[in-house]
Structures are given as C-alpha cells and as structure tokens.
Amino acid sequence: MADKGKKGNKPGPAPAAGAPPPGGKKEGEQPPGEGKGEEKKGAEPPPPKPKSVQPKDEVGTRKGCRRYRWELKDSNKEFWMMGHAEVKILSVGCLVAALVMFIGTAVHPLLTLIISMELSVFIFFIIVYSFAINRYMPFILWPITDLLNDLFATGFLAGAAAFAVQTRQTMPMNYFIAVILIGVAAFFPLIDICLQRKHFRGKKVKRNVLVPPQKKADAAKAKEEAKSGAGKPKDDKKGKPAAAAKPGKK
C-alpha cells in the first residue's frame, strides 16, 4: 500500500540550469497588459483640427461669436472709413450745441421738438452701424433708409432754421448762434447723401424680387419649352410634320 502512494506523487523532471521556475516570467518578457499601457502613455495626442480658412472680405462660413466679431469689425470699418460716422457725429454736436444755446431763451416748442427728433434719429443710426445691427436685418435696405433720412433731416432742419428766424423780431446772441448751428446741421446730411452714392455704384436693380419662387420656376420652364419648341418643325393638324415646300416651276 505504501508503494502505491509513492507512485502517485512522483516528482516531475528537474528544471534545466538557468531556466525560470514554473509559472515565473522569462527574462525580457513583459506581463500581459503592461506594454500596452506604456504605449498609450507614450503616444502623442491627436493634433487639433485647424480652423477653416475664411475670406477676409466676406463673412464666409463663420458662425456665432466669430461671425459677430467679423461683422462688428467690418461694419465699423465701413462706417468710419467712408465718412458716415464723422458726418453724423458733427450733426449731433451741432444740434446739442443749439439746444444748449436755447437754454434761458424763449423758444417756440416746435423748434425743440424738431431738434430732439433729429437727434434721436442720428443717434439711432450711429448705434445701428456701430454694433452691426444692420448686418442681421438684411430685409431692410439700409443705404436707402439712410439716404431718405438724410433728405428728411435736411428738409426739417432747414425749415426749423427758417421758422426760428421768422418767429423772432429781435434775436439775442445765443439765439442767433443756435439758428446758425441748426443751419450747419442741415448741411451735413447733404454731404452724407453724396457719400451714400458709393453704395449704389456698379449695382443693378433686381427685378421680380417680390415674385413667389413657384411662379419664377413656372416662368423659366415656359421659356425653356418655348425655346425647345421653336427649333422643332411645326406639325399639321393630323399630327404629321409639314411637308417640305415644292420647288416652283421654271
């Protein structure tokens, strides 16, 4: 019985000299998963996506804050470089000075009403162009709107100056200076009208702007059919093509 127990527990073959013990790691061998972690740590992060190149003179595909920054810069550049800002600011300065000169003098309320109205309109256009609000409301033709405002401002301010002279027989010095300032303020919108002409150079009037798109497509289709039908020979009533004309007798 003792011999059978010994047979079941036979020792395995002895390991060779220099061989690693069973279950141990070989020299230079890395445990599973260890090399992958080192490769991940050493890998370079993916390069950031480059921004799309945008045109300098157009908004391109800019959106959000990028678009507003571009619109703000372009609107102020156009507003100040073309002289609209300077003309409007000079008009506002003259009207404010006229109101200051009228202080302490009996003035017809219609004069102060006209001056206050024109002041608010000029300040409105300055705010619109300075904050690029006009770029987000393309359904308003801003050059034409500004042109009409200049025409009305010239008429109202020139009429106010004439009315101020007619309503007073004697004019104190401050009243006289205020009337001159109103007349100068009426002259600046005329300069702005000349500057507005630059917006209309080289531009053609678009026709049929208010026509619905369906009617435009139908009209274009009818024109194409008319052109294609003009090149085909006319058919007679029976549906047969018209016979070629016979040569005349000699």
C-alpha atoms as a PDB file:
ATOM      1  CA  MET A   1       0.000   0.000   0.000  1.00  0.00           C
ATOM      2  CA  ALA A   2       2.793   2.343   0.790  1.00  0.00           C
ATOM      3  CA  ASP A   3       4.302   1.753  -2.618  1.00  0.00           C
ATOM      4  CA  LYS A   4       1.101   2.752  -4.397  1.00  0.00           C
ATOM      5  CA  GLY A   5       1.017   6.093  -2.531  1.00  0.00           C
ATOM      6  CA  LYS A   6       4.542   6.787  -3.542  1.00  0.00           C
ATOM      7  CA  LYS A   7       3.773   6.082  -7.188  1.00  0.00           C
ATOM      8  CA  GLY A   8       1.001   8.727  -7.284  1.00  0.00           C
ATOM      9  CA  ASN A   9       3.300  11.509  -6.018  1.00  0.00           C
ATOM     10  CA  LYS A  10       6.134  11.162  -8.494  1.00  0.00           C
ATOM     11  CA  PRO A  11       8.236  14.338  -8.763  1.00  0.00           C
ATOM     12  CA  GLY A  12       8.430  15.942 -12.252  1.00  0.00           C
ATOM     13  CA  PRO A  13      11.613  16.326 -14.207  1.00  0.00           C
ATOM     14  CA  ALA A  14      14.139  18.688 -12.753  1.00  0.00           C
ATOM     15  CA  PRO A  15      14.313  22.102 -14.444  1.00  0.00           C
ATOM     16  CA  ALA A  16      17.321  22.810 -16.591  1.00  0.00           C
ATOM     17  CA  ALA A  17      20.051  25.030 -15.311  1.00  0.00           C
ATOM     18  CA  GLY A  18      19.276  28.696 -15.807  1.00  0.00           C
ATOM     19  CA  ALA A  19      15.622  28.054 -16.708  1.00  0.00           C
ATOM     20  CA  PRO A  20      12.992  30.102 -14.861  1.00  0.00           C
ATOM     21  CA  PRO A  21      10.813  28.335 -12.335  1.00  0.00           C
ATOM     22  CA  PRO A  22       7.415  27.161 -13.499  1.00  0.00           C
ATOM     23  CA  GLY A  23       4.892  29.994 -13.539  1.00  0.00           C
ATOM     24  CA  GLY A  24       7.611  32.675 -13.491  1.00  0.00           C
ATOM     25  CA  LYS A  25       8.473  35.311 -16.114  1.00  0.00           C
ATOM     26  CA  LYS A  26      11.219  34.889 -18.665  1.00  0.00           C
ATOM     27  CA  GLU A  27      13.990  37.414 -18.967  1.00  0.00           C
ATOM     28  CA  GLY A  28      12.860  40.413 -21.045  1.00  0.00           C
ATOM     29  CA  GLU A  29       9.253  39.253 -21.078  1.00  0.00           C
ATOM     30  CA  GLN A  30       6.588  41.750 -20.016  1.00  0.00           C
ATOM     31  CA  PRO A  31       3.387  40.770 -18.259  1.00  0.00           C
ATOM     32  CA  PRO A  32       0.250  40.985 -20.375  1.00  0.00           C
ATOM     33  CA  GLY A  33      -1.234  44.469 -20.477  1.00  0.00           C
ATOM     34  CA  GLU A  34       1.923  46.189 -19.221  1.00  0.00           C
ATOM     35  CA  GLY A  35       3.368  47.035 -22.638  1.00  0.00           C
ATOM     36  CA  LYS A  36       0.054  48.375 -23.908  1.00  0.00           C
ATOM     37  CA  GLY A  37      -0.157  50.846 -21.055  1.00  0.00           C
ATOM     38  CA  GLU A  38       3.325  52.159 -21.790  1.00  0.00           C
ATOM     39  CA  GLU A  39       2.470  52.518 -25.478  1.00  0.00           C
ATOM     40  CA  LYS A  40      -0.658  54.537 -24.600  1.00  0.00           C
ATOM     41  CA  LYS A  41       1.309  56.812 -22.299  1.00  0.00           C
ATOM     42  CA  GLY A  42       3.988  57.451 -24.894  1.00  0.00           C
ATOM     43  CA  ALA A  43       1.543  58.030 -27.790  1.00  0.00           C
ATOM     44  CA  GLU A  44       1.193  61.667 -28.907  1.00  0.00           C
ATOM     45  CA  PRO A  45      -2.264  63.296 -28.631  1.00  0.00           C
ATOM     46  CA  PRO A  46      -4.066  63.872 -31.927  1.00  0.00           C
ATOM     47  CA  PRO A  47      -3.307  67.291 -33.419  1.00  0.00           C
ATOM     48  CA  PRO A  48      -6.074  69.909 -33.040  1.00  0.00           C
ATOM     49  CA  LYS A  49      -8.279  70.429 -36.036  1.00  0.00           C
ATOM     50  CA  PRO A  50      -7.153  73.523 -37.965  1.00  0.00           C
ATOM     51  CA  LYS A  51      -9.686  76.299 -38.370  1.00  0.00           C
ATOM     52  CA  SER A  52     -11.130  76.623 -41.824  1.00  0.00           C
ATOM     53  CA  VAL A  53      -9.578  79.420 -43.839  1.00  0.00           C
ATOM     54  CA  GLN A  54     -12.126  82.231 -44.185  1.00  0.00           C
ATOM     55  CA  PRO A  55     -12.174  85.036 -46.770  1.00  0.00           C
ATOM     56  CA  LYS A  56     -11.242  88.465 -45.484  1.00  0.00           C
ATOM     57  CA  ASP A  57     -13.803  90.422 -47.489  1.00  0.00           C
ATOM     58  CA  GLU A  58     -16.794  88.121 -46.847  1.00  0.00           C
ATOM     59  CA  VAL A  59     -18.368  86.515 -43.804  1.00  0.00           C
ATOM     60  CA  GLY A  60     -17.750  83.041 -45.250  1.00  0.00           C
ATOM     61  CA  THR A  61     -18.925  80.198 -43.013  1.00  0.00           C
ATOM     62  CA  ARG A  62     -18.337  81.983 -39.718  1.00  0.00           C
ATOM     63  CA  LYS A  63     -20.984  81.388 -37.069  1.00  0.00           C
ATOM     64  CA  GLY A  64     -21.810  82.583 -33.578  1.00  0.00           C
ATOM     65  CA  CYS A  65     -19.294  84.898 -31.902  1.00  0.00           C
ATOM     66  CA  ARG A  66     -16.796  84.578 -34.762  1.00  0.00           C
ATOM     67  CA  ARG A  67     -19.360  85.920 -37.193  1.00  0.00           C
ATOM     68  CA  TYR A  68     -20.416  88.767 -34.881  1.00  0.00           C
ATOM     69  CA  ARG A  69     -16.785  89.815 -34.321  1.00  0.00           C
ATOM     70  CA  TRP A  70     -16.190  89.876 -38.074  1.00  0.00           C
ATOM     71  CA  GLU A  71     -19.455  91.762 -38.737  1.00  0.00           C
ATOM     72  CA  LEU A  72     -18.672  94.284 -35.965  1.00  0.00           C
ATOM     73  CA  LYS A  73     -15.191  94.946 -37.329  1.00  0.00           C
ATOM     74  CA  ASP A  74     -16.338  95.204 -40.947  1.00  0.00           C
ATOM     75  CA  SER A  75     -19.339  97.404 -40.138  1.00  0.00           C
ATOM     76  CA  ASN A  76     -17.286  99.886 -38.098  1.00  0.00           C
ATOM     77  CA  LYS A  77     -14.564  99.910 -40.741  1.00  0.00           C
ATOM     78  CA  GLU A  78     -17.080 100.806 -43.433  1.00  0.00           C
ATOM     79  CA  PHE A  79     -18.894 103.288 -41.170  1.00  0.00           C
ATOM     80  CA  TRP A  80     -15.762 105.227 -40.190  1.00  0.00           C
ATOM     81  CA  MET A  81     -13.618 104.893 -43.326  1.00  0.00           C
ATOM     82  CA  MET A  82     -16.335 106.117 -45.715  1.00  0.00           C
ATOM     83  CA  GLY A  83     -17.066 109.214 -43.595  1.00  0.00           C
ATOM     84  CA  HIS A  84     -20.617 108.419 -42.454  1.00  0.00           C
ATOM     85  CA  ALA A  85     -19.669 108.413 -38.773  1.00  0.00           C
ATOM     86  CA  GLU A  86     -17.886 111.775 -38.889  1.00  0.00           C
ATOM     87  CA  VAL A  87     -20.795 113.484 -40.658  1.00  0.00           C
ATOM     88  CA  LYS A  88     -23.399 112.124 -38.243  1.00  0.00           C
ATOM     89  CA  ILE A  89     -21.321 112.980 -35.183  1.00  0.00           C
ATOM     90  CA  LEU A  90     -20.852 116.563 -36.411  1.00  0.00           C
ATOM     91  CA  SER A  91     -24.611 116.861 -36.955  1.00  0.00           C
ATOM     92  CA  VAL A  92     -25.282 115.569 -33.437  1.00  0.00           C
ATOM     93  CA  GLY A  93     -22.732 118.010 -31.989  1.00  0.00           C
ATOM     94  CA  CYS A  94     -24.332 120.986 -33.743  1.00  0.00           C
ATOM     95  CA  LEU A  95     -27.831 120.034 -32.593  1.00  0.00           C
ATOM     96  CA  VAL A  96     -26.733 119.516 -28.978  1.00  0.00           C
ATOM     97  CA  ALA A  97     -24.969 122.896 -29.012  1.00  0.00           C
ATOM     98  CA  ALA A  98     -28.128 124.519 -30.422  1.00  0.00           C
ATOM     99  CA  LEU A  99     -30.190 123.057 -27.590  1.00  0.00           C
ATOM    100  CA  VAL A 100     -27.666 124.385 -25.055  1.00  0.00           C
ATOM    101  CA  MET A 101     -27.844 127.866 -26.629  1.00  0.00           C
ATOM    102  CA  PHE A 102     -31.630 127.842 -26.388  1.00  0.00           C
ATOM    103  CA  ILE A 103     -31.446 127.466 -22.595  1.00  0.00           C
ATOM    104  CA  GLY A 104     -32.646 130.611 -20.885  1.00  0.00           C
ATOM    105  CA  THR A 105     -34.326 131.982 -24.038  1.00  0.00           C
ATOM    106  CA  ALA A 106     -37.969 131.922 -25.023  1.00  0.00           C
ATOM    107  CA  VAL A 107     -38.113 129.353 -27.849  1.00  0.00           C
ATOM    108  CA  HIS A 108     -41.063 128.009 -29.776  1.00  0.00           C
ATOM    109  CA  PRO A 109     -41.697 124.377 -28.688  1.00  0.00           C
ATOM    110  CA  LEU A 110     -41.737 123.244 -32.337  1.00  0.00           C
ATOM    111  CA  LEU A 111     -38.028 124.074 -32.632  1.00  0.00           C
ATOM    112  CA  THR A 112     -37.048 121.942 -29.653  1.00  0.00           C
ATOM    113  CA  LEU A 113     -39.288 119.145 -30.945  1.00  0.00           C
ATOM    114  CA  ILE A 114     -37.601 119.090 -34.383  1.00  0.00           C
ATOM    115  CA  ILE A 115     -34.107 119.222 -32.879  1.00  0.00           C
ATOM    116  CA  SER A 116     -34.892 116.406 -30.406  1.00  0.00           C
ATOM    117  CA  MET A 117     -36.409 114.269 -33.170  1.00  0.00           C
ATOM    118  CA  GLU A 118     -33.396 114.630 -35.471  1.00  0.00           C
ATOM    119  CA  LEU A 119     -31.029 113.994 -32.565  1.00  0.00           C
ATOM    120  CA  SER A 120     -32.745 110.691 -31.765  1.00  0.00           C
ATOM    121  CA  VAL A 121     -32.684 109.589 -35.421  1.00  0.00           C
ATOM    122  CA  PHE A 122     -28.974 110.368 -35.856  1.00  0.00           C
ATOM    123  CA  ILE A 123     -28.104 108.552 -32.607  1.00  0.00           C
ATOM    124  CA  PHE A 124     -30.216 105.587 -33.737  1.00  0.00           C
ATOM    125  CA  PHE A 125     -28.206 105.208 -36.959  1.00  0.00           C
ATOM    126  CA  ILE A 126     -24.908 105.590 -35.099  1.00  0.00           C
ATOM    127  CA  ILE A 127     -25.879 102.741 -32.730  1.00  0.00           C
ATOM    128  CA  VAL A 128     -27.109 100.529 -35.588  1.00  0.00           C
ATOM    129  CA  TYR A 129     -23.883 100.851 -37.595  1.00  0.00           C
ATOM    130  CA  SER A 130     -21.558 100.747 -34.571  1.00  0.00           C
ATOM    131  CA  PHE A 131     -22.974  97.464 -33.227  1.00  0.00           C
ATOM    132  CA  ALA A 132     -23.501  95.883 -36.697  1.00  0.00           C
ATOM    133  CA  ILE A 133     -27.251  95.526 -36.123  1.00  0.00           C
ATOM    134  CA  ASN A 134     -27.865  96.278 -39.787  1.00  0.00           C
ATOM    135  CA  ARG A 135     -25.959  93.109 -40.787  1.00  0.00           C
ATOM    136  CA  TYR A 136     -28.555  90.942 -39.038  1.00  0.00           C
ATOM    137  CA  MET A 137     -31.572  92.689 -40.610  1.00  0.00           C
ATOM    138  CA  PRO A 138     -30.994  92.309 -44.353  1.00  0.00           C
ATOM    139  CA  PHE A 139     -34.705  92.726 -45.126  1.00  0.00           C
ATOM    140  CA  ILE A 140     -34.227  96.499 -44.592  1.00  0.00           C
ATOM    141  CA  LEU A 141     -32.393  98.362 -47.350  1.00  0.00           C
ATOM    142  CA  TRP A 142     -30.143 100.353 -45.027  1.00  0.00           C
ATOM    143  CA  PRO A 143     -28.387 102.561 -47.624  1.00  0.00           C
ATOM    144  CA  ILE A 144     -31.759 103.687 -48.988  1.00  0.00           C
ATOM    145  CA  THR A 145     -33.124 104.161 -45.452  1.00  0.00           C
ATOM    146  CA  ASP A 146     -30.131 106.303 -44.515  1.00  0.00           C
ATOM    147  CA  LEU A 147     -30.466 108.242 -47.759  1.00  0.00           C
ATOM    148  CA  LEU A 148     -34.127 109.038 -47.059  1.00  0.00           C
ATOM    149  CA  ASN A 149     -33.258 110.035 -43.505  1.00  0.00           C
ATOM    150  CA  ASP A 150     -30.650 112.488 -44.798  1.00  0.00           C
ATOM    151  CA  LEU A 151     -33.175 114.039 -47.175  1.00  0.00           C
ATOM    152  CA  PHE A 152     -35.795 114.450 -44.453  1.00  0.00           C
ATOM    153  CA  ALA A 153     -33.218 115.738 -41.959  1.00  0.00           C
ATOM    154  CA  THR A 154     -32.066 118.411 -44.387  1.00  0.00           C
ATOM    155  CA  GLY A 155     -35.650 119.492 -45.022  1.00  0.00           C
ATOM    156  CA  PHE A 156     -36.688 119.542 -41.363  1.00  0.00           C
ATOM    157  CA  LEU A 157     -33.574 121.357 -40.099  1.00  0.00           C
ATOM    158  CA  ALA A 158     -33.606 123.938 -42.891  1.00  0.00           C
ATOM    159  CA  GLY A 159     -37.303 124.553 -42.183  1.00  0.00           C
ATOM    160  CA  ALA A 160     -36.576 124.841 -38.454  1.00  0.00           C
ATOM    161  CA  ALA A 161     -33.883 127.468 -39.091  1.00  0.00           C
ATOM    162  CA  ALA A 162     -36.240 129.470 -41.328  1.00  0.00           C
ATOM    163  CA  PHE A 163     -39.053 129.160 -38.761  1.00  0.00           C
ATOM    164  CA  ALA A 164     -36.734 130.318 -35.948  1.00  0.00           C
ATOM    165  CA  VAL A 165     -35.848 133.468 -37.920  1.00  0.00           C
ATOM    166  CA  GLN A 166     -39.475 134.285 -38.764  1.00  0.00           C
ATOM    167  CA  THR A 167     -40.859 133.852 -35.241  1.00  0.00           C
ATOM    168  CA  ARG A 168     -38.486 136.380 -33.651  1.00  0.00           C
ATOM    169  CA  GLN A 169     -38.148 140.058 -34.447  1.00  0.00           C
ATOM    170  CA  THR A 170     -35.159 140.530 -32.176  1.00  0.00           C
ATOM    171  CA  MET A 171     -32.605 137.752 -31.714  1.00  0.00           C
ATOM    172  CA  PRO A 172     -30.191 137.607 -28.786  1.00  0.00           C
ATOM    173  CA  MET A 173     -26.665 136.424 -29.494  1.00  0.00           C
ATOM    174  CA  ASN A 174     -27.174 132.891 -28.137  1.00  0.00           C
ATOM    175  CA  TYR A 175     -30.396 132.557 -30.156  1.00  0.00           C
ATOM    176  CA  PHE A 176     -28.612 133.741 -33.310  1.00  0.00           C
ATOM    177  CA  ILE A 177     -25.764 131.241 -32.771  1.00  0.00           C
ATOM    178  CA  ALA A 178     -28.291 128.436 -32.235  1.00  0.00           C
ATOM    179  CA  VAL A 179     -30.001 129.258 -35.549  1.00  0.00           C
ATOM    180  CA  ILE A 180     -26.630 129.151 -37.342  1.00  0.00           C
ATOM    181  CA  LEU A 181     -25.851 125.795 -35.747  1.00  0.00           C
ATOM    182  CA  ILE A 182     -29.189 124.398 -36.941  1.00  0.00           C
ATOM    183  CA  GLY A 183     -28.382 125.565 -40.478  1.00  0.00           C
ATOM    184  CA  VAL A 184     -24.926 123.929 -40.331  1.00  0.00           C
ATOM    185  CA  ALA A 185     -26.510 120.706 -39.039  1.00  0.00           C
ATOM    186  CA  ALA A 186     -28.835 120.789 -42.051  1.00  0.00           C
ATOM    187  CA  PHE A 187     -25.814 120.990 -44.376  1.00  0.00           C
ATOM    188  CA  PHE A 188     -24.058 117.842 -43.108  1.00  0.00           C
ATOM    189  CA  PRO A 189     -26.782 115.399 -44.270  1.00  0.00           C
ATOM    190  CA  LEU A 190     -26.231 116.693 -47.804  1.00  0.00           C
ATOM    191  CA  ILE A 191     -22.608 115.578 -47.535  1.00  0.00           C
ATOM    192  CA  ASP A 192     -23.800 112.192 -46.292  1.00  0.00           C
ATOM    193  CA  ILE A 193     -26.073 111.908 -49.362  1.00  0.00           C
ATOM    194  CA  CYS A 194     -23.027 112.288 -51.597  1.00  0.00           C
ATOM    195  CA  LEU A 195     -21.237 109.576 -49.597  1.00  0.00           C
ATOM    196  CA  GLN A 196     -24.228 107.242 -49.911  1.00  0.00           C
ATOM    197  CA  ARG A 197     -23.837 107.244 -53.699  1.00  0.00           C
ATOM    198  CA  LYS A 198     -20.826 104.936 -53.344  1.00  0.00           C
ATOM    199  CA  HIS A 199     -23.138 102.131 -52.219  1.00  0.00           C
ATOM    200  CA  PHE A 200     -25.094 102.251 -55.467  1.00  0.00           C
ATOM    201  CA  ARG A 201     -22.246 102.306 -57.959  1.00  0.00           C
ATOM    202  CA  GLY A 202     -21.970  99.179 -60.091  1.00  0.00           C
ATOM    203  CA  LYS A 203     -25.165  97.660 -58.693  1.00  0.00           C
ATOM    204  CA  LYS A 204     -28.121  96.707 -60.854  1.00  0.00           C
ATOM    205  CA  VAL A 205     -31.725  96.799 -59.740  1.00  0.00           C
ATOM    206  CA  LYS A 206     -33.080  93.296 -59.171  1.00  0.00           C
ATOM    207  CA  ARG A 207     -36.342  92.706 -60.959  1.00  0.00           C
ATOM    208  CA  ASN A 208     -39.164  90.423 -59.850  1.00  0.00           C
ATOM    209  CA  VAL A 209     -37.842  90.356 -56.275  1.00  0.00           C
ATOM    210  CA  LEU A 210     -41.335  90.014 -54.790  1.00  0.00           C
ATOM    211  CA  VAL A 211     -42.453  87.282 -57.217  1.00  0.00           C
ATOM    212  CA  PRO A 212     -43.018  83.920 -55.435  1.00  0.00           C
ATOM    213  CA  PRO A 213     -40.416  81.230 -56.277  1.00  0.00           C
ATOM    214  CA  GLN A 214     -43.065  78.878 -57.722  1.00  0.00           C
ATOM    215  CA  LYS A 215     -44.115  81.452 -60.316  1.00  0.00           C
ATOM    216  CA  LYS A 216     -40.462  82.079 -61.177  1.00  0.00           C
ATOM    217  CA  ALA A 217     -39.909  78.346 -61.754  1.00  0.00           C
ATOM    218  CA  ASP A 218     -43.032  78.129 -63.925  1.00  0.00           C
ATOM    219  CA  ALA A 219     -41.945  81.121 -65.990  1.00  0.00           C
ATOM    220  CA  ALA A 220     -38.469  79.659 -66.512  1.00  0.00           C
ATOM    221  CA  LYS A 221     -39.969  76.313 -67.514  1.00  0.00           C
ATOM    222  CA  ALA A 222     -42.307  78.010 -70.005  1.00  0.00           C
ATOM    223  CA  LYS A 223     -39.356  79.851 -71.553  1.00  0.00           C
ATOM    224  CA  GLU A 224     -37.394  76.607 -71.929  1.00  0.00           C
ATOM    225  CA  GLU A 225     -40.368  74.899 -73.560  1.00  0.00           C
ATOM    226  CA  ALA A 226     -40.809  77.835 -75.922  1.00  0.00           C
ATOM    227  CA  LYS A 227     -37.142  77.689 -76.925  1.00  0.00           C
ATOM    228  CA  SER A 228     -37.206  73.910 -77.455  1.00  0.00           C
ATOM    229  CA  GLY A 229     -40.445  74.172 -79.470  1.00  0.00           C
ATOM    230  CA  ALA A 230     -39.032  76.884 -81.706  1.00  0.00           C
ATOM    231  CA  GLY A 231     -36.315  74.553 -83.020  1.00  0.00           C
ATOM    232  CA  LYS A 232     -38.710  71.707 -83.949  1.00  0.00           C
ATOM    233  CA  PRO A 233     -40.661  71.675 -87.278  1.00  0.00           C
ATOM    234  CA  LYS A 234     -44.323  72.547 -86.965  1.00  0.00           C
ATOM    235  CA  ASP A 235     -46.804  69.659 -87.268  1.00  0.00           C
ATOM    236  CA  ASP A 236     -50.046  69.883 -89.182  1.00  0.00           C
ATOM    237  CA  LYS A 237     -53.451  69.249 -87.638  1.00  0.00           C
ATOM    238  CA  LYS A 238     -53.236  65.461 -88.164  1.00  0.00           C
ATOM    239  CA  GLY A 239     -50.001  65.286 -86.224  1.00  0.00           C
ATOM    240  CA  LYS A 240     -47.794  64.755 -89.294  1.00  0.00           C
ATOM    241  CA  PRO A 241     -44.837  67.027 -89.899  1.00  0.00           C
ATOM    242  CA  ALA A 242     -45.393  69.656 -92.548  1.00  0.00           C
ATOM    243  CA  ALA A 243     -44.122  68.609 -95.965  1.00  0.00           C
ATOM    244  CA  ALA A 244     -41.212  70.459 -97.468  1.00  0.00           C
ATOM    245  CA  ALA A 245     -42.194  73.168 -99.901  1.00  0.00           C
ATOM    246  CA  LYS A 246     -42.149  72.024-103.520  1.00  0.00           C
ATOM    247  CA  PRO A 247     -39.798  73.841-105.858  1.00  0.00           C
ATOM    248  CA  GLY A 248     -41.603  76.248-108.147  1.00  0.00           C
ATOM    249  CA  LYS A 249     -41.954  75.613-111.842  1.00  0.00           C
ATOM    250  CA  LYS A 250     -39.444  77.197-114.139  1.00  0.00           C
END
